[in-house]
PDB file of N, CA and C in Angstrom:
ATOM      1  N   UNK A   1      87.653 134.215 123.059  1.00  0.00           N
ATOM      2  CA  UNK A   1      88.706 133.248 122.497  1.00  0.00           C
ATOM      3  C   UNK A   1      89.993 133.214 123.510  1.00  0.00           C
ATOM      4  N   UNK A   2      90.617 131.806 123.628  1.00  0.00           N
ATOM      5  CA  UNK A   2      91.560 131.830 124.295  1.00  0.00           C
ATOM      6  C   UNK A   2      92.718 131.428 123.329  1.00  0.00           C
ATOM      7  N   UNK A   3      94.199 131.399 123.798  1.00  0.00           N
ATOM      8  CA  UNK A   3      95.259 131.100 123.088  1.00  0.00           C
ATOM      9  C   UNK A   3      96.634 130.636 124.356  1.00  0.00           C
ATOM     10  N   UNK A   4      96.834 129.350 124.183  1.00  0.00           N
ATOM     11  CA  UNK A   4      98.014 129.268 125.063  1.00  0.00           C
ATOM     12  C   UNK A   4      99.241 129.126 124.640  1.00  0.00           C
ATOM     13  N   UNK A   5     100.056 129.489 125.030  1.00  0.00           N
ATOM     14  CA  UNK A   5     101.732 129.812 124.685  1.00  0.00           C
ATOM     15  C   UNK A   5     102.676 129.819 125.881  1.00  0.00           C
ATOM     16  N   UNK A   6     103.851 129.416 125.257  1.00  0.00           N
ATOM     17  CA  UNK A   6     105.014 129.612 126.062  1.00  0.00           C
ATOM     18  C   UNK A   6     106.089 129.989 125.602  1.00  0.00           C
ATOM     19  N   UNK A   7     106.827 130.389 126.595  1.00  0.00           N
ATOM     20  CA  UNK A   7     108.197 131.158 126.236  1.00  0.00           C
ATOM     21  C   UNK A   7     109.232 130.729 127.325  1.00  0.00           C
ATOM     22  N   UNK A   8     110.061 129.891 126.833  1.00  0.00           N
ATOM     23  CA  UNK A   8     111.144 128.865 127.577  1.00  0.00           C
ATOM     24  C   UNK A   8     110.378 128.199 128.437  1.00  0.00           C
ATOM     25  N   UNK A   9     110.259 128.343 129.999  1.00  0.00           N
ATOM     26  CA  UNK A   9     109.754 127.687 130.617  1.00  0.00           C
ATOM     27  C   UNK A   9     108.328 127.924 131.464  1.00  0.00           C
ATOM     28  N   UNK A  10     108.107 129.176 130.672  1.00  0.00           N
ATOM     29  CA  UNK A  10     106.905 129.910 131.300  1.00  0.00           C
ATOM     30  C   UNK A  10     105.771 129.968 130.531  1.00  0.00           C
ATOM     31  N   UNK A  11     104.630 128.924 130.782  1.00  0.00           N
ATOM     32  CA  UNK A  11     103.123 128.832 130.017  1.00  0.00           C
ATOM     33  C   UNK A  11     102.690 130.111 130.439  1.00  0.00           C
ATOM     34  N   UNK A  12     101.642 130.461 129.339  1.00  0.00           N
ATOM     35  CA  UNK A  12     100.552 131.473 129.631  1.00  0.00           C
ATOM     36  C   UNK A  12      99.524 131.533 128.733  1.00  0.00           C
ATOM     37  N   UNK A  13      98.296 131.865 129.030  1.00  0.00           N
ATOM     38  CA  UNK A  13      97.153 131.813 128.088  1.00  0.00           C
ATOM     39  C   UNK A  13      96.855 133.317 128.354  1.00  0.00           C
ATOM     40  N   UNK A  14      96.389 133.639 127.269  1.00  0.00           N
ATOM     41  CA  UNK A  14      95.641 134.962 126.948  1.00  0.00           C
ATOM     42  C   UNK A  14      94.292 135.048 126.285  1.00  0.00           C
ATOM     43  N   UNK A  15      93.477 135.541 126.701  1.00  0.00           N
ATOM     44  CA  UNK A  15      92.168 135.676 126.761  1.00  0.00           C
ATOM     45  C   UNK A  15      91.405 136.991 126.693  1.00  0.00           C
ATOM     46  N   UNK A  16      90.130 137.090 125.905  1.00  0.00           N
ATOM     47  CA  UNK A  16      89.271 138.183 126.120  1.00  0.00           C
ATOM     48  C   UNK A  16      89.169 138.538 127.518  1.00  0.00           C
ATOM     49  N   UNK A  17      88.849 139.687 128.066  1.00  0.00           N
ATOM     50  CA  UNK A  17      88.428 139.791 129.551  1.00  0.00           C
ATOM     51  C   UNK A  17      87.287 140.686 129.640  1.00  0.00           C
ATOM     52  N   UNK A  18      85.894 140.315 129.528  1.00  0.00           N
ATOM     53  CA  UNK A  18      84.924 140.784 129.158  1.00  0.00           C
ATOM     54  C   UNK A  18      84.515 141.425 130.551  1.00  0.00           C
ATOM     55  N   UNK A  19      85.310 140.951 131.740  1.00  0.00           N
ATOM     56  CA  UNK A  19      84.975 141.576 133.030  1.00  0.00           C
ATOM     57  C   UNK A  19      85.972 142.991 133.498  1.00  0.00           C
ATOM     58  N   UNK A  20      86.931 143.114 132.426  1.00  0.00           N
ATOM     59  CA  UNK A  20      87.921 144.507 132.599  1.00  0.00           C
ATOM     60  C   UNK A  20      86.867 145.812 133.227  1.00  0.00           C
ATOM     61  N   UNK A  21      87.570 146.219 134.064  1.00  0.00           N
ATOM     62  CA  UNK A  21      86.889 147.674 134.450  1.00  0.00           C
ATOM     63  C   UNK A  21      87.499 148.793 133.274  1.00  0.00           C
ATOM     64  N   UNK A  22      88.618 148.644 132.646  1.00  0.00           N
ATOM     65  CA  UNK A  22      88.910 149.826 131.800  1.00  0.00           C
ATOM     66  C   UNK A  22      89.130 148.745 130.459  1.00  0.00           C
ATOM     67  N   UNK A  23      88.642 149.496 129.672  1.00  0.00           N
ATOM     68  CA  UNK A  23      88.553 148.767 128.030  1.00  0.00           C
ATOM     69  C   UNK A  23      89.601 149.991 127.404  1.00  0.00           C
ATOM     70  N   UNK A  24      90.699 149.095 126.914  1.00  0.00           N
ATOM     71  CA  UNK A  24      91.438 149.425 125.872  1.00  0.00           C
ATOM     72  C   UNK A  24      91.380 149.236 124.438  1.00  0.00           C
ATOM     73  N   UNK A  25      91.106 150.269 123.533  1.00  0.00           N
ATOM     74  CA  UNK A  25      91.130 150.094 122.335  1.00  0.00           C
ATOM     75  C   UNK A  25      89.510 149.209 121.650  1.00  0.00           C
ATOM     76  N   UNK A  26      89.714 148.162 121.212  1.00  0.00           N
ATOM     77  CA  UNK A  26      88.425 147.307 121.111  1.00  0.00           C
ATOM     78  C   UNK A  26      88.073 146.443 122.227  1.00  0.00           C
ATOM     79  N   UNK A  27      88.888 146.384 123.396  1.00  0.00           N
ATOM     80  CA  UNK A  27      88.770 145.557 124.421  1.00  0.00           C
ATOM     81  C   UNK A  27      90.078 145.425 125.045  1.00  0.00           C
ATOM     82  N   UNK A  28      89.815 144.692 126.113  1.00  0.00           N
ATOM     83  CA  UNK A  28      90.874 144.276 127.201  1.00  0.00           C
ATOM     84  C   UNK A  28      91.136 142.799 127.438  1.00  0.00           C
ATOM     85  N   UNK A  29      92.125 142.419 127.757  1.00  0.00           N
ATOM     86  CA  UNK A  29      92.737 140.951 127.575  1.00  0.00           C
ATOM     87  C   UNK A  29      93.059 140.662 128.971  1.00  0.00           C
ATOM     88  N   UNK A  30      92.855 139.447 129.349  1.00  0.00           N
ATOM     89  CA  UNK A  30      93.428 138.556 130.724  1.00  0.00           C
ATOM     90  C   UNK A  30      94.452 137.568 130.015  1.00  0.00           C
ATOM     91  N   UNK A  31      95.680 137.824 131.003  1.00  0.00           N
ATOM     92  CA  UNK A  31      96.712 136.961 130.763  1.00  0.00           C
ATOM     93  C   UNK A  31      96.995 136.270 132.200  1.00  0.00           C
ATOM     94  N   UNK A  32      97.250 134.765 131.746  1.00  0.00           N
ATOM     95  CA  UNK A  32      97.574 133.879 133.173  1.00  0.00           C
ATOM     96  C   UNK A  32      98.828 133.395 132.753  1.00  0.00           C
ATOM     97  N   UNK A  33      99.863 133.542 133.679  1.00  0.00           N
ATOM     98  CA  UNK A  33     101.029 133.247 133.378  1.00  0.00           C
ATOM     99  C   UNK A  33     101.417 131.946 134.759  1.00  0.00           C
ATOM    100  N   UNK A  34     102.104 131.235 134.363  1.00  0.00           N
ATOM    101  CA  UNK A  34     102.325 129.952 135.328  1.00  0.00           C
ATOM    102  C   UNK A  34     104.281 130.006 135.476  1.00  0.00           C
ATOM    103  N   UNK A  35     104.566 130.225 136.325  1.00  0.00           N
ATOM    104  CA  UNK A  35     106.134 130.281 136.838  1.00  0.00           C
ATOM    105  C   UNK A  35     106.457 129.748 138.196  1.00  0.00           C
ATOM    106  N   UNK A  36     107.387 129.380 138.477  1.00  0.00           N
ATOM    107  CA  UNK A  36     107.916 128.548 139.324  1.00  0.00           C
ATOM    108  C   UNK A  36     107.980 129.440 140.679  1.00  0.00           C
ATOM    109  N   UNK A  37     108.219 130.668 140.627  1.00  0.00           N
ATOM    110  CA  UNK A  37     108.193 131.542 141.676  1.00  0.00           C
ATOM    111  C   UNK A  37     107.178 132.865 141.482  1.00  0.00           C
ATOM    112  N   UNK A  38     105.983 132.679 141.715  1.00  0.00           N
ATOM    113  CA  UNK A  38     105.132 133.601 141.306  1.00  0.00           C
ATOM    114  C   UNK A  38     105.399 134.824 142.055  1.00  0.00           C
ATOM    115  N   UNK A  39     105.899 134.698 143.786  1.00  0.00           N
ATOM    116  CA  UNK A  39     105.981 136.006 144.582  1.00  0.00           C
ATOM    117  C   UNK A  39     107.080 137.000 143.387  1.00  0.00           C
ATOM    118  N   UNK A  40     108.207 136.248 143.096  1.00  0.00           N
ATOM    119  CA  UNK A  40     109.176 136.892 142.665  1.00  0.00           C
ATOM    120  C   UNK A  40     108.885 137.590 141.230  1.00  0.00           C
ATOM    121  N   UNK A  41     107.965 136.891 140.323  1.00  0.00           N
ATOM    122  CA  UNK A  41     107.551 137.436 139.361  1.00  0.00           C
ATOM    123  C   UNK A  41     106.403 138.671 139.315  1.00  0.00           C
ATOM    124  N   UNK A  42     105.745 138.241 140.480  1.00  0.00           N
ATOM    125  CA  UNK A  42     104.652 139.281 141.012  1.00  0.00           C
ATOM    126  C   UNK A  42     105.516 140.614 141.580  1.00  0.00           C
ATOM    127  N   UNK A  43     106.339 140.595 142.024  1.00  0.00           N
ATOM    128  CA  UNK A  43     107.208 141.844 142.463  1.00  0.00           C
ATOM    129  C   UNK A  43     108.073 142.548 141.525  1.00  0.00           C
ATOM    130  N   UNK A  44     108.522 141.774 140.378  1.00  0.00           N
ATOM    131  CA  UNK A  44     109.209 142.402 139.122  1.00  0.00           C
ATOM    132  C   UNK A  44     108.064 143.101 138.465  1.00  0.00           C
ATOM    133  N   UNK A  45     106.897 142.666 138.237  1.00  0.00           N
ATOM    134  CA  UNK A  45     105.818 143.277 137.720  1.00  0.00           C
ATOM    135  C   UNK A  45     105.483 144.383 138.361  1.00  0.00           C
ATOM    136  N   UNK A  46     105.138 144.603 139.897  1.00  0.00           N
ATOM    137  CA  UNK A  46     105.247 145.772 140.771  1.00  0.00           C
ATOM    138  C   UNK A  46     106.044 146.890 140.080  1.00  0.00           C
ATOM    139  N   UNK A  47     107.589 146.415 140.140  1.00  0.00           N
ATOM    140  CA  UNK A  47     108.570 147.251 140.100  1.00  0.00           C
ATOM    141  C   UNK A  47     108.553 147.890 138.523  1.00  0.00           C
ATOM    142  N   UNK A  48     108.072 147.085 137.642  1.00  0.00           N
ATOM    143  CA  UNK A  48     107.864 148.046 136.304  1.00  0.00           C
ATOM    144  C   UNK A  48     106.607 148.340 136.062  1.00  0.00           C
ATOM    145  N   UNK A  49     106.019 148.778 136.981  1.00  0.00           N
ATOM    146  CA  UNK A  49     104.862 149.520 136.775  1.00  0.00           C
ATOM    147  C   UNK A  49     103.482 149.117 137.092  1.00  0.00           C
ATOM    148  N   UNK A  50     102.885 147.725 137.259  1.00  0.00           N
ATOM    149  CA  UNK A  50     101.896 147.297 137.333  1.00  0.00           C
ATOM    150  C   UNK A  50     101.283 147.501 138.744  1.00  0.00           C
ATOM    151  N   UNK A  51     100.024 147.750 138.666  1.00  0.00           N
ATOM    152  CA  UNK A  51      99.214 147.667 139.872  1.00  0.00           C
ATOM    153  C   UNK A  51      98.716 146.388 140.576  1.00  0.00           C
ATOM    154  N   UNK A  52      98.868 146.097 141.635  1.00  0.00           N
ATOM    155  CA  UNK A  52      98.523 145.119 142.383  1.00  0.00           C
ATOM    156  C   UNK A  52      96.706 145.407 142.649  1.00  0.00           C
ATOM    157  N   UNK A  53      96.107 143.978 142.258  1.00  0.00           N
ATOM    158  CA  UNK A  53      94.905 144.018 142.229  1.00  0.00           C
ATOM    159  C   UNK A  53      94.322 142.946 143.441  1.00  0.00           C
ATOM    160  N   UNK A  54      95.294 141.865 143.558  1.00  0.00           N
ATOM    161  CA  UNK A  54      95.007 140.806 144.582  1.00  0.00           C
ATOM    162  C   UNK A  54      96.423 140.197 145.035  1.00  0.00           C
ATOM    163  N   UNK A  55      96.809 140.202 146.090  1.00  0.00           N
ATOM    164  CA  UNK A  55      98.196 139.670 146.451  1.00  0.00           C
ATOM    165  C   UNK A  55      98.367 138.058 146.013  1.00  0.00           C
ATOM    166  N   UNK A  56      99.560 137.464 145.633  1.00  0.00           N
ATOM    167  CA  UNK A  56      99.857 136.326 145.498  1.00  0.00           C
ATOM    168  C   UNK A  56      99.302 135.230 146.866  1.00  0.00           C
ATOM    169  N   UNK A  57      98.359 134.368 146.495  1.00  0.00           N
ATOM    170  CA  UNK A  57      97.658 133.511 147.530  1.00  0.00           C
ATOM    171  C   UNK A  57      97.254 132.262 147.076  1.00  0.00           C
ATOM    172  N   UNK A  58      97.056 131.262 147.465  1.00  0.00           N
ATOM    173  CA  UNK A  58      96.418 130.098 147.375  1.00  0.00           C
ATOM    174  C   UNK A  58      95.145 130.002 146.499  1.00  0.00           C
ATOM    175  N   UNK A  59      95.047 129.511 145.184  1.00  0.00           N
ATOM    176  CA  UNK A  59      93.815 129.695 144.729  1.00  0.00           C
ATOM    177  C   UNK A  59      93.786 129.116 143.473  1.00  0.00           C
ATOM    178  N   UNK A  60      92.532 128.276 143.243  1.00  0.00           N
ATOM    179  CA  UNK A  60      92.263 127.391 142.141  1.00  0.00           C
ATOM    180  C   UNK A  60      93.633 126.393 141.807  1.00  0.00           C
ATOM    181  N   UNK A  61      93.980 125.583 143.047  1.00  0.00           N
ATOM    182  CA  UNK A  61      95.084 124.709 143.329  1.00  0.00           C
ATOM    183  C   UNK A  61      96.544 125.244 142.516  1.00  0.00           C
ATOM    184  N   UNK A  62      96.449 126.520 142.402  1.00  0.00           N
ATOM    185  CA  UNK A  62      97.864 127.359 142.066  1.00  0.00           C
ATOM    186  C   UNK A  62      98.062 128.367 143.223  1.00  0.00           C
ATOM    187  N   UNK A  63      99.025 129.212 143.085  1.00  0.00           N
ATOM    188  CA  UNK A  63      99.274 130.360 143.881  1.00  0.00           C
ATOM    189  C   UNK A  63      99.108 131.451 142.871  1.00  0.00           C
ATOM    190  N   UNK A  64      97.863 132.229 143.243  1.00  0.00           N
ATOM    191  CA  UNK A  64      97.517 133.205 142.012  1.00  0.00           C
ATOM    192  C   UNK A  64      97.429 134.423 142.639  1.00  0.00           C
ATOM    193  N   UNK A  65      97.975 135.294 141.717  1.00  0.00           N
ATOM    194  CA  UNK A  65      97.704 137.062 142.440  1.00  0.00           C
ATOM    195  C   UNK A  65      97.340 137.590 141.247  1.00  0.00           C
ATOM    196  N   UNK A  66      96.710 138.806 141.244  1.00  0.00           N
ATOM    197  CA  UNK A  66      96.061 139.618 140.165  1.00  0.00           C
ATOM    198  C   UNK A  66      96.938 141.038 140.041  1.00  0.00           C
ATOM    199  N   UNK A  67      97.377 141.304 138.786  1.00  0.00           N
ATOM    200  CA  UNK A  67      97.871 142.558 138.644  1.00  0.00           C
ATOM    201  C   UNK A  67      97.134 143.436 137.525  1.00  0.00           C
ATOM    202  N   UNK A  68      97.208 144.536 137.274  1.00  0.00           N
ATOM    203  CA  UNK A  68      96.800 145.059 136.086  1.00  0.00           C
ATOM    204  C   UNK A  68      98.109 145.920 135.387  1.00  0.00           C
ATOM    205  N   UNK A  69      98.312 145.913 134.544  1.00  0.00           N
ATOM    206  CA  UNK A  69      99.406 146.508 133.578  1.00  0.00           C
ATOM    207  C   UNK A  69      99.134 147.989 133.796  1.00  0.00           C
ATOM    208  N   UNK A  70     100.029 148.906 133.320  1.00  0.00           N
ATOM    209  CA  UNK A  70      99.949 150.349 133.218  1.00  0.00           C
ATOM    210  C   UNK A  70      98.800 150.757 132.378  1.00  0.00           C
ATOM    211  N   UNK A  71      98.338 149.968 131.412  1.00  0.00           N
ATOM    212  CA  UNK A  71      96.973 150.235 130.483  1.00  0.00           C
ATOM    213  C   UNK A  71      95.946 149.557 130.982  1.00  0.00           C
ATOM    214  N   UNK A  72      95.686 149.212 132.088  1.00  0.00           N
ATOM    215  CA  UNK A  72      94.501 148.765 132.844  1.00  0.00           C
ATOM    216  C   UNK A  72      94.200 147.200 132.533  1.00  0.00           C
ATOM    217  N   UNK A  73      95.010 146.287 131.841  1.00  0.00           N
ATOM    218  CA  UNK A  73      94.772 144.829 131.478  1.00  0.00           C
ATOM    219  C   UNK A  73      95.099 144.414 132.518  1.00  0.00           C
ATOM    220  N   UNK A  74      94.069 143.275 132.910  1.00  0.00           N
ATOM    221  CA  UNK A  74      94.078 142.362 134.244  1.00  0.00           C
ATOM    222  C   UNK A  74      95.249 141.212 133.962  1.00  0.00           C
ATOM    223  N   UNK A  75      96.259 141.081 134.648  1.00  0.00           N
ATOM    224  CA  UNK A  75      97.184 139.677 134.615  1.00  0.00           C
ATOM    225  C   UNK A  75      97.342 139.154 135.902  1.00  0.00           C
ATOM    226  N   UNK A  76      96.800 137.558 135.531  1.00  0.00           N
ATOM    227  CA  UNK A  76      96.965 136.905 136.607  1.00  0.00           C
ATOM    228  C   UNK A  76      98.157 135.976 136.813  1.00  0.00           C
ATOM    229  N   UNK A  77      99.072 135.772 137.857  1.00  0.00           N
ATOM    230  CA  UNK A  77     100.092 134.943 137.801  1.00  0.00           C
ATOM    231  C   UNK A  77     100.598 134.130 138.891  1.00  0.00           C
TER     232      UNK A  77
END
């Protein structure tokens, strides 16, 4: 299942993450967040306790980085 949402000017998608290495509760999710300054948001997430999985780089026509939140869910942004 995939849901597309927006908060102010930030669009994001939430979907089941069958590839998650760590499953929390009934499953894990993947969130794709689109923002104007991905590097800045990526750094904010790291400061807030996320773990870098892959640094922000060009990919899929976007600048994409990969984080895991403190609970192990994967976030792309």
